[in-house]
N, C-alpha and C. Protein backbone atom coordinates (compact mmCIF):
# COMPACT_ATOMS: atom_id res chain seq x y z
N MET A 1 0.78 -1.47 -0.58
CA MET A 1 -0.53 0.09 0.08
C MET A 1 0.94 1.02 0.29
N ASN A 2 2.22 1.36 -0.92
CA ASN A 2 2.38 2.53 -0.61
C ASN A 2 2.47 3.34 -2.23
N ASP A 3 1.64 3.20 -3.52
CA ASP A 3 1.65 3.40 -5.03
C ASP A 3 1.03 4.52 -4.03
N VAL A 4 1.03 5.88 -4.45
CA VAL A 4 -0.36 7.00 -4.07
C VAL A 4 -1.61 6.30 -4.89
N GLU A 5 -1.77 6.10 -6.24
CA GLU A 5 -2.58 6.38 -7.64
C GLU A 5 -3.50 4.91 -6.97
N PHE A 6 -3.15 3.86 -6.63
CA PHE A 6 -3.74 2.49 -5.63
C PHE A 6 -4.30 3.70 -4.32
N ILE A 7 -3.47 4.11 -3.10
CA ILE A 7 -4.28 4.85 -2.16
C ILE A 7 -5.71 5.96 -2.16
N LEU A 8 -5.13 7.05 -3.67
CA LEU A 8 -5.92 7.48 -4.61
C LEU A 8 -7.15 6.33 -5.29
N THR A 9 -6.83 5.42 -5.25
CA THR A 9 -8.41 4.80 -5.76
C THR A 9 -9.01 3.79 -4.58
N GLU A 10 -8.22 3.85 -4.09
CA GLU A 10 -9.03 3.95 -1.80
C GLU A 10 -10.07 5.20 -2.03
N LEU A 11 -9.27 5.83 -2.07
CA LEU A 11 -10.44 7.07 -1.09
C LEU A 11 -11.44 7.24 -2.21
N LYS A 12 -11.39 7.66 -3.09
CA LYS A 12 -12.54 7.15 -4.17
C LYS A 12 -13.35 6.45 -3.30
N SER A 13 -13.04 4.93 -3.62
CA SER A 13 -14.25 3.69 -3.33
C SER A 13 -14.56 4.49 -2.06
N MET A 14 -14.07 5.30 -1.17
CA MET A 14 -15.04 4.97 0.24
C MET A 14 -15.17 6.36 0.25
N SER A 15 -15.64 7.37 -0.57
CA SER A 15 -16.23 8.79 -0.88
C SER A 15 -17.98 8.54 -0.75
N GLU A 16 -18.50 9.84 -0.34
CA GLU A 16 -19.82 10.10 0.29
C GLU A 16 -19.90 11.15 -0.70
N PRO A 17 -20.03 11.52 -2.04
CA PRO A 17 -20.79 12.67 -2.12
C PRO A 17 -21.79 13.56 -1.73
N ALA A 18 -22.40 12.70 -0.61
CA ALA A 18 -23.52 13.35 0.04
C ALA A 18 -22.65 14.36 1.22
N TYR A 19 -21.35 13.86 1.76
CA TYR A 19 -20.98 14.10 3.04
C TYR A 19 -19.90 15.41 2.26
N LEU A 20 -20.58 15.58 0.70
CA LEU A 20 -19.33 17.11 1.38
C LEU A 20 -19.88 18.13 1.46
N GLU A 21 -21.32 18.28 1.05
CA GLU A 21 -22.27 19.34 1.75
C GLU A 21 -22.31 19.63 2.94
N LYS A 22 -21.09 18.38 3.60
CA LYS A 22 -21.21 18.61 5.59
C LYS A 22 -20.46 18.80 5.65
N MET A 23 -19.03 19.17 4.47
CA MET A 23 -17.52 19.46 5.00
C MET A 23 -17.45 20.55 4.50
N ALA A 24 -19.02 21.21 3.31
CA ALA A 24 -18.61 22.97 2.81
C ALA A 24 -19.27 23.34 4.38
N HIS A 25 -20.59 22.78 4.79
CA HIS A 25 -21.33 23.50 6.01
C HIS A 25 -20.26 23.92 7.13
N PHE A 26 -19.28 23.16 7.30
CA PHE A 26 -18.50 23.60 7.92
C PHE A 26 -17.07 23.83 7.84
N GLY A 27 -17.35 24.71 7.07
CA GLY A 27 -15.90 25.78 6.76
C GLY A 27 -15.08 25.15 5.94
N ILE A 28 -14.43 23.94 5.30
CA ILE A 28 -14.02 23.20 4.52
C ILE A 28 -13.61 23.78 3.43
N ASP A 29 -12.98 23.77 3.06
CA ASP A 29 -12.83 23.91 1.17
C ASP A 29 -12.35 21.73 0.21
N ILE A 30 -13.36 21.93 -0.64
CA ILE A 30 -14.46 21.31 -1.19
C ILE A 30 -13.69 21.37 -2.50
N ALA A 31 -12.78 22.08 -3.00
CA ALA A 31 -12.64 21.84 -4.49
C ALA A 31 -12.15 20.44 -4.52
N LYS A 32 -11.49 20.38 -4.02
CA LYS A 32 -10.59 18.90 -4.38
C LYS A 32 -10.70 18.13 -3.04
N ALA A 33 -12.17 17.61 -3.08
CA ALA A 33 -12.65 16.29 -1.96
C ALA A 33 -13.67 15.92 -2.45
N PHE A 34 -13.25 14.20 -2.33
CA PHE A 34 -13.67 13.40 -2.27
C PHE A 34 -15.79 13.12 -1.59
N GLY A 35 -14.91 13.42 -0.54
CA GLY A 35 -16.35 13.62 0.45
C GLY A 35 -16.39 12.03 1.54
N ILE A 36 -14.80 12.15 2.37
CA ILE A 36 -14.97 10.82 2.92
C ILE A 36 -14.93 11.52 4.46
N ARG A 37 -15.02 10.69 5.70
CA ARG A 37 -15.27 10.80 7.16
C ARG A 37 -14.24 10.43 6.96
N VAL A 38 -13.55 11.14 8.53
CA VAL A 38 -12.25 10.86 8.81
C VAL A 38 -12.10 9.54 9.69
N PRO A 39 -12.17 9.39 10.42
CA PRO A 39 -12.45 7.72 11.10
C PRO A 39 -12.56 7.21 9.51
N ASP A 40 -12.76 7.17 9.28
CA ASP A 40 -13.07 5.97 7.74
C ASP A 40 -11.32 6.44 6.97
N ILE A 41 -10.08 7.63 7.34
CA ILE A 41 -9.49 8.08 6.82
C ILE A 41 -8.43 7.49 8.40
N ARG A 42 -8.46 7.70 8.35
CA ARG A 42 -7.55 7.20 10.35
C ARG A 42 -7.52 6.17 9.93
N THR A 43 -8.79 4.68 9.36
CA THR A 43 -9.06 3.32 9.51
C THR A 43 -7.93 3.30 8.36
N LEU A 44 -8.22 4.22 7.38
CA LEU A 44 -7.18 3.56 5.66
C LEU A 44 -5.82 3.71 6.57
N ALA A 45 -5.03 4.69 7.33
CA ALA A 45 -4.26 5.45 7.89
C ALA A 45 -2.75 4.58 8.83
N LYS A 46 -3.82 3.81 9.25
CA LYS A 46 -3.76 1.50 10.29
C LYS A 46 -2.87 1.47 9.66
N GLN A 47 -3.90 0.82 8.21
CA GLN A 47 -4.07 -0.01 7.08
C GLN A 47 -2.39 0.24 6.36
N VAL A 48 -2.10 1.65 5.89
CA VAL A 48 -0.18 1.89 5.10
C VAL A 48 0.59 1.89 6.07
N GLY A 49 0.32 2.65 6.96
CA GLY A 49 1.48 2.63 8.49
C GLY A 49 1.65 3.45 8.23
N LYS A 50 3.24 3.85 9.30
CA LYS A 50 3.56 5.38 8.77
C LYS A 50 4.34 5.40 7.74
N ASN A 51 4.67 6.29 6.84
CA ASN A 51 5.09 6.35 5.08
C ASN A 51 6.34 7.95 5.05
N GLN A 52 6.70 8.18 5.67
CA GLN A 52 6.98 9.69 4.92
C GLN A 52 7.17 10.08 3.62
N ALA A 53 8.09 8.78 2.72
CA ALA A 53 8.28 9.15 1.05
C ALA A 53 6.38 9.52 0.80
N LEU A 54 5.79 8.85 1.29
CA LEU A 54 4.16 8.29 0.47
C LEU A 54 3.31 10.14 0.90
N SER A 55 4.05 10.20 2.69
CA SER A 55 3.42 10.82 3.36
C SER A 55 3.76 12.65 1.63
N LEU A 56 4.97 12.84 1.54
CA LEU A 56 4.82 13.92 0.82
C LEU A 56 3.85 13.50 -0.52
N GLU A 57 4.41 12.30 -1.10
CA GLU A 57 3.73 12.19 -2.48
C GLU A 57 2.47 12.76 -2.34
N LEU A 58 1.27 12.28 -1.64
CA LEU A 58 -0.22 12.51 -1.24
C LEU A 58 -0.33 13.92 -1.37
N TRP A 59 0.37 14.77 0.06
CA TRP A 59 0.23 16.20 -0.29
C TRP A 59 0.72 15.77 -1.48
N LYS A 60 1.44 16.01 -2.45
CA LYS A 60 1.59 16.57 -3.52
C LYS A 60 0.02 16.40 -4.72
N THR A 61 -0.49 15.27 -3.90
CA THR A 61 -2.47 15.23 -5.52
C THR A 61 -2.73 17.02 -4.88
N GLU A 62 -2.65 17.25 -4.33
CA GLU A 62 -3.74 18.42 -2.97
C GLU A 62 -5.33 18.12 -2.76
N ILE A 63 -5.47 17.13 -3.21
CA ILE A 63 -6.93 15.89 -2.59
C ILE A 63 -7.12 16.34 -1.04
N HIS A 64 -8.08 16.57 -0.80
CA HIS A 64 -7.95 17.15 1.04
C HIS A 64 -7.91 16.08 1.95
N GLU A 65 -8.97 15.23 1.10
CA GLU A 65 -8.25 13.36 1.77
C GLU A 65 -6.92 12.98 1.29
N ALA A 66 -6.26 13.40 0.28
CA ALA A 66 -4.97 12.79 0.45
C ALA A 66 -4.42 13.30 1.38
N ARG A 67 -4.42 14.07 1.40
CA ARG A 67 -3.42 15.58 1.97
C ARG A 67 -4.25 14.96 3.86
N LEU A 68 -5.05 14.80 3.68
CA LEU A 68 -5.20 14.39 5.63
C LEU A 68 -4.80 13.37 5.50
N LEU A 69 -5.21 11.84 5.22
CA LEU A 69 -3.97 10.85 5.12
C LEU A 69 -2.48 10.94 5.67
N ALA A 70 -2.04 11.58 4.95
CA ALA A 70 -0.77 12.60 4.91
C ALA A 70 -0.29 12.75 5.84
N THR A 71 -1.02 13.22 6.87
CA THR A 71 -1.08 14.23 7.93
C THR A 71 -0.70 13.63 9.22
N PHE A 72 -1.92 11.78 9.00
CA PHE A 72 -1.66 10.67 9.50
C PHE A 72 -0.64 9.31 9.35
N ILE A 73 -0.22 9.20 8.12
CA ILE A 73 1.27 8.28 8.04
C ILE A 73 2.51 8.71 7.67
N GLY A 74 2.71 10.34 7.98
CA GLY A 74 4.16 10.91 7.78
C GLY A 74 4.67 10.58 9.80
N ASP A 75 6.32 10.42 9.39
CA ASP A 75 6.80 10.62 10.11
C ASP A 75 7.56 11.73 11.39
N TYR A 76 6.93 11.80 12.28
CA TYR A 76 7.21 13.61 12.64
C TYR A 76 8.81 13.69 13.19
N LYS A 77 9.74 12.69 13.15
CA LYS A 77 11.49 12.13 13.25
C LYS A 77 11.63 13.08 12.02
N GLN A 78 10.66 12.41 10.30
CA GLN A 78 11.82 12.87 9.43
C GLN A 78 11.23 14.49 9.06
N VAL A 79 10.70 15.53 9.65
CA VAL A 79 10.20 16.38 8.90
C VAL A 79 10.41 17.92 9.66
N ASP A 80 11.01 18.09 8.38
CA ASP A 80 12.20 18.86 8.45
C ASP A 80 11.66 20.77 8.76
N GLU A 81 12.46 21.39 8.93
CA GLU A 81 11.95 23.49 8.63
C GLU A 81 10.84 23.52 6.73
N ALA A 82 11.45 22.50 6.03
CA ALA A 82 11.22 23.37 4.92
C ALA A 82 9.90 22.73 4.88
N GLN A 83 9.78 21.47 5.22
CA GLN A 83 8.23 20.83 5.65
C GLN A 83 7.19 21.56 5.55
N ILE A 84 7.49 21.93 7.18
CA ILE A 84 6.45 22.97 8.15
C ILE A 84 6.06 24.03 6.75
N ASN A 85 7.09 24.64 6.61
CA ASN A 85 6.77 26.35 5.78
C ASN A 85 6.53 25.61 4.75
N ALA A 86 6.52 24.78 3.83
CA ALA A 86 5.77 24.40 2.29
C ALA A 86 4.55 24.32 2.48
N TRP A 87 4.09 22.98 3.46
CA TRP A 87 2.66 22.78 4.20
C TRP A 87 2.13 23.42 4.71
N THR A 88 2.28 24.15 5.82
CA THR A 88 1.09 25.86 6.31
C THR A 88 1.17 26.40 5.16
N LYS A 89 2.28 27.51 4.41
CA LYS A 89 1.31 27.72 3.32
C LYS A 89 0.27 26.79 2.17
N ASP A 90 0.53 26.43 2.12
CA ASP A 90 -0.51 25.48 1.35
C ASP A 90 -1.83 25.00 1.84
N PHE A 91 -2.43 25.60 2.46
CA PHE A 91 -2.76 24.80 3.86
C PHE A 91 -4.15 25.90 2.80
N ASN A 92 -5.29 24.92 3.28
CA ASN A 92 -6.31 26.23 2.87
C ASN A 92 -8.01 25.66 3.50
N SER A 93 -8.07 24.77 3.93
CA SER A 93 -8.68 24.49 5.00
C SER A 93 -8.59 24.17 6.18
N TRP A 94 -9.34 24.40 7.80
CA TRP A 94 -8.47 24.18 8.34
C TRP A 94 -8.17 23.23 9.60
N ASP A 95 -8.43 22.14 9.24
CA ASP A 95 -9.26 20.84 9.32
C ASP A 95 -7.27 19.80 8.87
N ILE A 96 -7.01 20.10 8.03
CA ILE A 96 -5.41 20.44 7.24
C ILE A 96 -4.82 20.57 8.66
N CYS A 97 -4.81 21.85 8.33
CA CYS A 97 -3.92 22.84 9.55
C CYS A 97 -3.67 22.19 10.73
N ASP A 98 -4.67 21.39 11.45
CA ASP A 98 -5.46 21.18 12.99
C ASP A 98 -3.98 19.84 12.99
N GLN A 99 -4.62 18.46 11.54
CA GLN A 99 -4.25 17.74 11.98
C GLN A 99 -2.61 18.04 11.98
N ALA A 100 -2.26 18.94 10.46
CA ALA A 100 -0.55 18.78 10.41
C ALA A 100 0.60 19.57 11.27
N CYS A 101 -0.30 19.66 12.63
CA CYS A 101 -0.33 20.69 13.75
C CYS A 101 0.02 19.42 14.85
N ALA A 102 -1.25 18.97 15.67
CA ALA A 102 -1.38 17.61 16.17
C ALA A 102 -1.44 16.25 16.28
N ASN A 103 -0.57 16.24 14.42
CA ASN A 103 -0.09 14.90 14.50
C ASN A 103 1.16 14.91 13.38
N LEU A 104 2.19 16.09 13.55
CA LEU A 104 3.62 16.23 12.78
C LEU A 104 3.95 17.39 13.88
N PHE A 105 4.17 18.62 13.41
CA PHE A 105 4.21 20.19 13.37
C PHE A 105 4.71 19.80 15.35
N VAL A 106 4.46 19.76 15.47
CA VAL A 106 4.21 20.09 17.14
C VAL A 106 4.82 19.22 18.19
N LYS A 107 5.38 17.91 17.32
CA LYS A 107 6.10 17.00 18.03
C LYS A 107 7.68 17.13 17.41
N THR A 108 8.07 18.14 16.40
CA THR A 108 8.98 18.14 16.03
C THR A 108 9.89 19.02 16.55
N PRO A 109 11.60 19.32 17.07
CA PRO A 109 11.89 20.44 17.29
C PRO A 109 12.01 22.49 16.27
N TYR A 110 11.01 22.27 15.87
CA TYR A 110 10.64 23.35 15.03
C TYR A 110 9.38 24.29 15.88
N PHE A 111 8.79 23.68 16.32
CA PHE A 111 7.82 24.04 17.06
C PHE A 111 7.41 25.02 17.88
N MET A 112 7.96 25.56 18.27
CA MET A 112 8.73 26.75 19.22
C MET A 112 8.97 28.22 18.22
N PRO A 113 9.53 27.58 17.56
CA PRO A 113 9.97 29.28 16.69
C PRO A 113 8.96 29.64 15.40
N LYS A 114 8.46 28.54 14.75
CA LYS A 114 6.81 28.30 14.06
C LYS A 114 5.78 28.66 14.12
N VAL A 115 5.80 28.37 16.59
CA VAL A 115 4.86 29.71 16.51
C VAL A 115 4.74 30.58 16.79
N LEU A 116 6.11 31.50 16.92
CA LEU A 116 6.79 32.79 17.28
C LEU A 116 6.94 33.58 15.73
N GLU A 117 6.85 32.74 15.00
CA GLU A 117 6.71 33.28 13.27
C GLU A 117 5.46 33.09 12.62
N PHE A 118 4.61 32.58 12.63
CA PHE A 118 3.69 32.00 12.47
C PHE A 118 2.49 33.24 12.91
N SER A 119 2.62 33.02 14.20
CA SER A 119 1.86 33.67 15.28
C SER A 119 1.53 35.03 15.12
N GLN A 120 2.26 35.76 13.82
CA GLN A 120 2.17 37.07 12.98
C GLN A 120 2.51 37.23 12.39
N ALA A 121 1.65 36.81 10.52
CA ALA A 121 1.71 36.01 9.83
C ALA A 121 0.43 36.90 9.60
N GLU A 122 0.26 37.69 8.46
CA GLU A 122 -0.78 37.87 8.17
C GLU A 122 -1.78 36.56 6.90
N ALA A 123 -1.35 35.64 6.74
CA ALA A 123 -1.98 34.28 6.12
C ALA A 123 -3.10 33.90 6.63
N VAL A 124 -4.39 34.07 6.40
CA VAL A 124 -5.29 33.47 7.57
C VAL A 124 -4.23 32.63 8.23
N PHE A 125 -4.38 30.85 7.31
CA PHE A 125 -4.13 29.80 7.61
C PHE A 125 -2.66 29.37 8.28
N VAL A 126 -2.11 30.32 8.08
CA VAL A 126 -0.57 29.81 8.41
C VAL A 126 -0.23 31.57 9.45
N LYS A 127 -1.58 32.56 9.44
CA LYS A 127 -1.78 32.73 11.24
C LYS A 127 -2.36 31.42 12.04
N ARG A 128 -3.20 31.43 11.15
CA ARG A 128 -3.71 29.68 12.33
C ARG A 128 -3.00 28.75 12.91
N THR A 129 -2.11 28.87 12.32
CA THR A 129 -1.39 27.21 12.26
C THR A 129 0.02 27.55 13.35
N GLY A 130 0.62 29.10 13.88
CA GLY A 130 0.80 29.39 14.75
C GLY A 130 -0.59 28.95 16.06
N PHE A 131 -1.06 29.79 16.40
CA PHE A 131 -1.94 29.01 17.31
C PHE A 131 -2.77 27.89 17.93
N VAL A 132 -2.72 26.82 16.51
CA VAL A 132 -2.84 25.51 16.76
C VAL A 132 -2.17 25.17 17.39
N LEU A 133 -0.84 24.82 16.72
CA LEU A 133 0.53 24.91 17.87
C LEU A 133 0.55 24.82 19.13
N MET A 134 -0.25 26.47 19.81
CA MET A 134 -0.09 26.28 20.84
C MET A 134 -1.12 25.66 21.42
N ALA A 135 -1.81 25.26 21.09
CA ALA A 135 -3.68 24.73 21.33
C ALA A 135 -2.76 23.13 21.86
N VAL A 136 -2.79 22.78 20.47
CA VAL A 136 -1.99 21.15 20.80
C VAL A 136 -0.59 21.17 22.17
N ALA A 137 -0.39 22.20 21.92
CA ALA A 137 0.64 21.97 23.12
C ALA A 137 0.70 21.92 24.02
N ALA A 138 -0.37 22.71 24.36
CA ALA A 138 -1.31 21.89 25.74
C ALA A 138 -2.07 21.39 26.55
N VAL A 139 -1.85 20.68 25.14
CA VAL A 139 -2.92 18.78 25.44
C VAL A 139 -1.81 17.53 25.36
N HIS A 140 -0.38 17.86 25.03
CA HIS A 140 -0.76 17.42 24.18
C HIS A 140 1.24 17.15 25.07
N LEU A 141 2.16 17.73 24.57
CA LEU A 141 3.34 18.60 25.27
C LEU A 141 3.52 18.31 26.63
N LYS A 142 3.81 16.59 27.88
CA LYS A 142 3.02 16.62 28.69
C LYS A 142 4.43 17.00 29.05
N LYS A 143 5.46 17.47 29.37
CA LYS A 143 6.62 17.75 29.62
C LYS A 143 7.08 19.23 29.60
N GLU A 144 6.42 19.69 28.53
CA GLU A 144 6.64 21.58 28.63
C GLU A 144 6.91 21.90 29.24
N PRO A 145 7.24 22.47 29.72
CA PRO A 145 7.54 24.05 31.08
C PRO A 145 6.52 25.00 31.06
N ASP A 146 5.71 25.23 32.42
CA ASP A 146 4.66 25.99 32.20
C ASP A 146 5.19 26.81 31.44
N GLU A 147 7.04 27.46 31.39
CA GLU A 147 6.99 28.86 30.99
C GLU A 147 6.48 29.27 29.77
N THR A 148 6.89 27.55 29.47
CA THR A 148 6.83 27.97 28.01
C THR A 148 5.12 27.99 27.37
N PHE A 149 4.43 27.79 27.61
CA PHE A 149 2.59 28.20 28.21
C PHE A 149 2.28 29.50 28.50
N LEU A 150 3.64 30.19 29.01
CA LEU A 150 3.66 32.07 29.71
C LEU A 150 3.88 32.44 28.87
N SER A 151 4.48 32.31 27.82
CA SER A 151 5.75 33.05 27.01
C SER A 151 4.58 32.96 25.92
N PHE A 152 3.35 32.12 25.93
CA PHE A 152 2.32 32.16 25.21
C PHE A 152 1.83 33.17 24.58
N LEU A 153 1.33 33.80 26.38
CA LEU A 153 -0.12 34.20 26.69
C LEU A 153 0.13 35.84 26.02
N PRO A 154 1.38 36.59 25.87
CA PRO A 154 1.43 37.89 25.62
C PRO A 154 1.07 37.73 24.10
N ILE A 155 1.20 36.90 23.62
CA ILE A 155 1.08 36.71 22.27
C ILE A 155 -1.00 36.70 21.44
N ILE A 156 -1.17 36.04 22.48
CA ILE A 156 -2.52 35.90 22.40
C ILE A 156 -3.64 36.97 22.21
N GLU A 157 -3.08 37.50 24.16
CA GLU A 157 -3.51 38.79 23.67
C GLU A 157 -2.87 39.81 22.82
N ARG A 158 -2.03 39.89 22.76
CA ARG A 158 -1.81 40.57 21.63
C ARG A 158 -2.66 40.36 19.63
N GLU A 159 -2.53 39.09 19.40
CA GLU A 159 -3.17 39.17 18.70
C GLU A 159 -5.17 38.61 18.34
N ALA A 160 -5.43 39.44 19.71
CA ALA A 160 -6.78 38.77 20.08
C ALA A 160 -7.48 39.75 19.29
N TYR A 161 -6.84 40.87 18.11
CA TYR A 161 -8.08 42.06 17.18
C TYR A 161 -8.22 40.79 16.50
N ASP A 162 -7.10 40.02 15.95
CA ASP A 162 -7.60 39.37 15.09
C ASP A 162 -8.84 39.06 14.81
N SER A 163 -9.61 39.37 13.91
CA SER A 163 -11.37 38.72 14.16
C SER A 163 -11.33 37.60 13.14
N ARG A 164 -11.22 37.25 11.84
CA ARG A 164 -11.46 35.93 10.73
C ARG A 164 -11.68 35.10 11.41
N ASN A 165 -12.50 34.57 11.27
CA ASN A 165 -13.16 33.55 12.13
C ASN A 165 -12.05 32.59 12.14
N PHE A 166 -11.63 32.02 10.91
CA PHE A 166 -10.64 30.58 11.40
C PHE A 166 -8.98 31.44 12.75
N VAL A 167 -8.99 32.25 12.68
CA VAL A 167 -7.90 33.18 13.28
C VAL A 167 -8.22 33.34 14.17
N LYS A 168 -9.42 33.82 14.94
CA LYS A 168 -9.54 34.19 16.29
C LYS A 168 -10.20 32.63 17.06
N LYS A 169 -11.24 32.08 16.12
CA LYS A 169 -11.40 29.94 17.02
C LYS A 169 -10.06 30.18 17.38
N ALA A 170 -9.27 29.88 16.73
CA ALA A 170 -7.46 29.21 17.16
C ALA A 170 -6.75 29.80 18.93
N ILE A 171 -6.66 31.53 17.97
CA ILE A 171 -6.70 32.00 19.20
C ILE A 171 -7.53 31.63 20.52
N ASN A 172 -8.62 31.53 20.27
CA ASN A 172 -9.89 31.05 21.39
C ASN A 172 -9.22 29.50 22.26
N TRP A 173 -9.49 29.10 21.37
CA TRP A 173 -9.17 27.27 22.07
C TRP A 173 -7.34 27.64 22.25
N ALA A 174 -6.33 27.87 21.73
CA ALA A 174 -5.14 28.94 22.87
C ALA A 174 -5.13 29.00 23.61
N LEU A 175 -5.99 30.53 24.31
CA LEU A 175 -6.12 30.89 25.33
C LEU A 175 -6.99 29.40 26.36
N ARG A 176 -8.06 29.06 25.95
CA ARG A 176 -8.57 28.07 26.79
C ARG A 176 -8.08 27.22 26.95
N GLN A 177 -7.18 25.91 26.15
CA GLN A 177 -5.96 24.86 26.19
C GLN A 177 -5.26 25.25 27.73
N ILE A 178 -4.80 26.64 27.35
CA ILE A 178 -3.88 26.31 28.62
C ILE A 178 -4.17 26.32 29.72
N GLY A 179 -5.63 27.33 29.61
CA GLY A 179 -5.85 27.64 30.88
C GLY A 179 -6.50 26.19 31.30
N LYS A 180 -6.97 25.21 30.66
CA LYS A 180 -7.22 23.72 31.24
C LYS A 180 -6.00 22.96 31.08
N ARG A 181 -4.63 23.41 31.04
CA ARG A 181 -3.66 22.84 31.15
C ARG A 181 -3.17 22.18 32.88
N ASN A 182 -3.60 22.97 33.71
CA ASN A 182 -3.11 23.22 34.69
C ASN A 182 -3.08 24.27 36.17
N ALA A 183 -3.16 24.24 37.48
CA ALA A 183 -3.71 24.64 37.60
C ALA A 183 -3.19 25.71 38.59
N PHE A 184 -1.33 26.26 38.31
CA PHE A 184 -1.07 26.94 38.06
C PHE A 184 -1.08 28.07 36.60
N LEU A 185 -1.50 27.24 35.08
CA LEU A 185 -1.90 28.10 34.16
C LEU A 185 -2.16 29.18 34.07
N HIS A 186 -3.93 28.24 35.22
CA HIS A 186 -5.04 28.40 35.34
C HIS A 186 -5.83 30.18 35.18
N PRO A 187 -4.75 30.69 36.49
CA PRO A 187 -5.54 31.88 36.34
C PRO A 187 -4.75 32.95 35.19
N TYR A 188 -3.73 33.06 35.17
CA TYR A 188 -2.53 33.11 34.14
C TYR A 188 -3.70 33.81 32.91
N ALA A 189 -4.33 32.90 32.27
CA ALA A 189 -5.09 32.48 31.55
C ALA A 189 -6.61 33.19 31.16
N ILE A 190 -7.18 33.73 33.00
CA ILE A 190 -8.36 34.11 33.40
C ILE A 190 -7.49 35.40 33.18
N GLN A 191 -6.68 35.59 33.77
CA GLN A 191 -5.93 37.23 33.50
C GLN A 191 -5.28 37.82 32.34
N THR A 192 -5.15 37.43 31.16
CA THR A 192 -5.48 37.46 29.88
C THR A 192 -6.28 38.11 29.42
N ALA A 193 -7.36 36.80 29.46
CA ALA A 193 -8.78 36.87 28.71
C ALA A 193 -9.74 38.15 29.58
N HIS A 194 -8.87 38.85 30.84
CA HIS A 194 -9.72 39.88 31.27
C HIS A 194 -8.44 41.35 30.62
N ASN A 195 -7.40 40.61 30.51
CA ASN A 195 -6.76 42.08 29.84
C ASN A 195 -7.36 42.30 28.53
N ILE A 196 -7.86 40.95 27.34
CA ILE A 196 -8.36 41.23 26.15
C ILE A 196 -9.19 41.94 26.50
N LEU A 197 -10.01 41.81 27.48
CA LEU A 197 -11.64 42.41 27.32
C LEU A 197 -11.21 44.09 27.39
N SER A 198 -10.55 44.49 28.46
CA SER A 198 -9.78 45.78 29.34
C SER A 198 -8.75 46.65 27.96
N GLN A 199 -9.01 46.20 26.35
CA GLN A 199 -8.95 46.33 24.82
C GLN A 199 -9.53 47.32 24.48
N ASN A 200 -10.51 47.14 24.76
CA ASN A 200 -12.23 47.92 24.05
C ASN A 200 -12.57 47.95 22.94
N ASN A 201 -11.72 46.57 22.32
CA ASN A 201 -11.95 46.28 21.01
C ASN A 201 -13.36 44.86 21.24
N LYS A 202 -14.62 45.44 20.34
CA LYS A 202 -15.19 44.29 20.49
C LYS A 202 -15.04 43.05 19.11
N LYS A 203 -14.71 43.05 18.69
CA LYS A 203 -13.50 41.95 18.06
C LYS A 203 -12.88 41.16 19.06
N ALA A 204 -11.64 41.85 19.71
CA ALA A 204 -11.06 40.29 20.67
C ALA A 204 -11.92 39.81 21.46
N ASN A 205 -13.08 40.74 22.31
CA ASN A 205 -13.93 40.46 23.16
C ASN A 205 -15.12 38.71 23.51
N TRP A 206 -15.65 38.12 21.48
CA TRP A 206 -15.98 37.24 21.92
C TRP A 206 -14.75 36.39 22.36
N ILE A 207 -13.62 36.38 21.58
CA ILE A 207 -12.02 35.73 22.56
C ILE A 207 -12.78 35.30 23.30
N ALA A 208 -11.87 36.80 24.58
CA ALA A 208 -11.90 36.73 25.99
C ALA A 208 -13.01 36.04 26.69
N LEU A 209 -14.61 35.88 26.06
CA LEU A 209 -15.60 36.01 26.59
C LEU A 209 -15.77 34.66 26.84
N ASP A 210 -16.12 34.42 25.68
CA ASP A 210 -16.22 32.30 25.90
C ASP A 210 -14.70 31.85 25.98
N ALA A 211 -14.09 31.99 26.11
CA ALA A 211 -12.99 31.47 27.09
C ALA A 211 -13.38 31.67 28.96
N LEU A 212 -13.38 32.57 28.93
CA LEU A 212 -13.73 32.39 29.75
C LEU A 212 -15.05 31.48 30.71
N ARG A 213 -16.15 31.57 29.89
CA ARG A 213 -16.71 31.20 29.63
C ARG A 213 -17.04 29.73 30.82
N GLU A 214 -15.50 29.00 29.69
CA GLU A 214 -15.17 27.45 30.35
C GLU A 214 -14.24 27.91 31.31
N LEU A 215 -12.93 28.27 31.12
CA LEU A 215 -11.98 28.62 32.82
C LEU A 215 -13.21 28.63 33.89
N GLU A 216 -14.22 29.35 33.66
CA GLU A 216 -14.58 29.99 34.93
C GLU A 216 -15.96 28.71 35.35
N GLY A 217 -16.05 27.94 34.45
CA GLY A 217 -17.38 26.99 34.38
C GLY A 217 -16.90 25.90 36.30
N GLN A 218 -17.28 25.07 36.51
CA GLN A 218 -17.39 23.56 37.19
C GLN A 218 -16.82 23.18 36.61
N LYS A 219 -16.39 22.95 35.52
CA LYS A 219 -16.60 21.31 34.94
C LYS A 219 -14.73 21.81 34.94
N VAL A 220 -14.48 22.90 34.98
CA VAL A 220 -12.40 22.45 34.63
C VAL A 220 -11.56 23.41 36.07
N SER A 221 -13.31 23.71 36.84
CA SER A 221 -12.87 23.73 38.35
C SER A 221 -12.55 22.82 39.06
N GLU A 222 -13.87 21.15 38.42
CA GLU A 222 -13.32 19.80 39.24
C GLU A 222 -12.14 19.42 38.59
N LYS A 223 -11.72 19.62 37.07
CA LYS A 223 -10.92 18.96 36.60
C LYS A 223 -9.96 19.59 37.61
N LEU A 224 -9.32 20.82 37.62
CA LEU A 224 -7.99 21.53 38.19
C LEU A 224 -7.66 21.17 39.49
N LYS A 225 -9.26 21.41 40.31
CA LYS A 225 -9.13 20.81 41.28
C LYS A 225 -9.36 21.99 42.57
N LEU A 226 -9.43 22.66 41.84
CA LEU A 226 -9.67 25.09 42.42
C LEU A 226 -10.44 25.19 43.26
């Protein structure tokens, strides 16, 4: 199962044309999509196994589901900075961005530099990548020191003015995940949300208010034993 054409044939056989409408409803670019549910792509990925060379070839097809599969079968140990830059420039859908960040980019040595670089980019999905990396790091990088996440909070506060849908949702996601990571970071995230509100920027308010609703809620309080 290491032939691109064979994989594309498999993907086509899994397609559900009616599912394309659902994808579009969730803001996914379906211009080059087959219409396949993510769990089905994950199942295929398990059958294929890790294959960095095939991952890179699948990415070149520009087909939505092939690129999702590429993020699942890629080997993060072989991902270099050039690949991160090239793929990020290619992002045209939030789901591919998020999967590439969670499955590959955040596990590389380039995670921190890319957060700092991408979080101040102009292009929507490049900028989203910076904040998605913050969010998935807060969830998955268990050994990352608290200081890393403290350093992200001023960036979140600074960029909260960006009201573009795919950017603001990623900024909000990053703030919430940092605040939920542990009891030490929790009050700092809440303070960041209040700092955003104090900017008196209506475009930034949603990020802060939505984060506060979760961070000050009972579920998070119980989880962190506050």
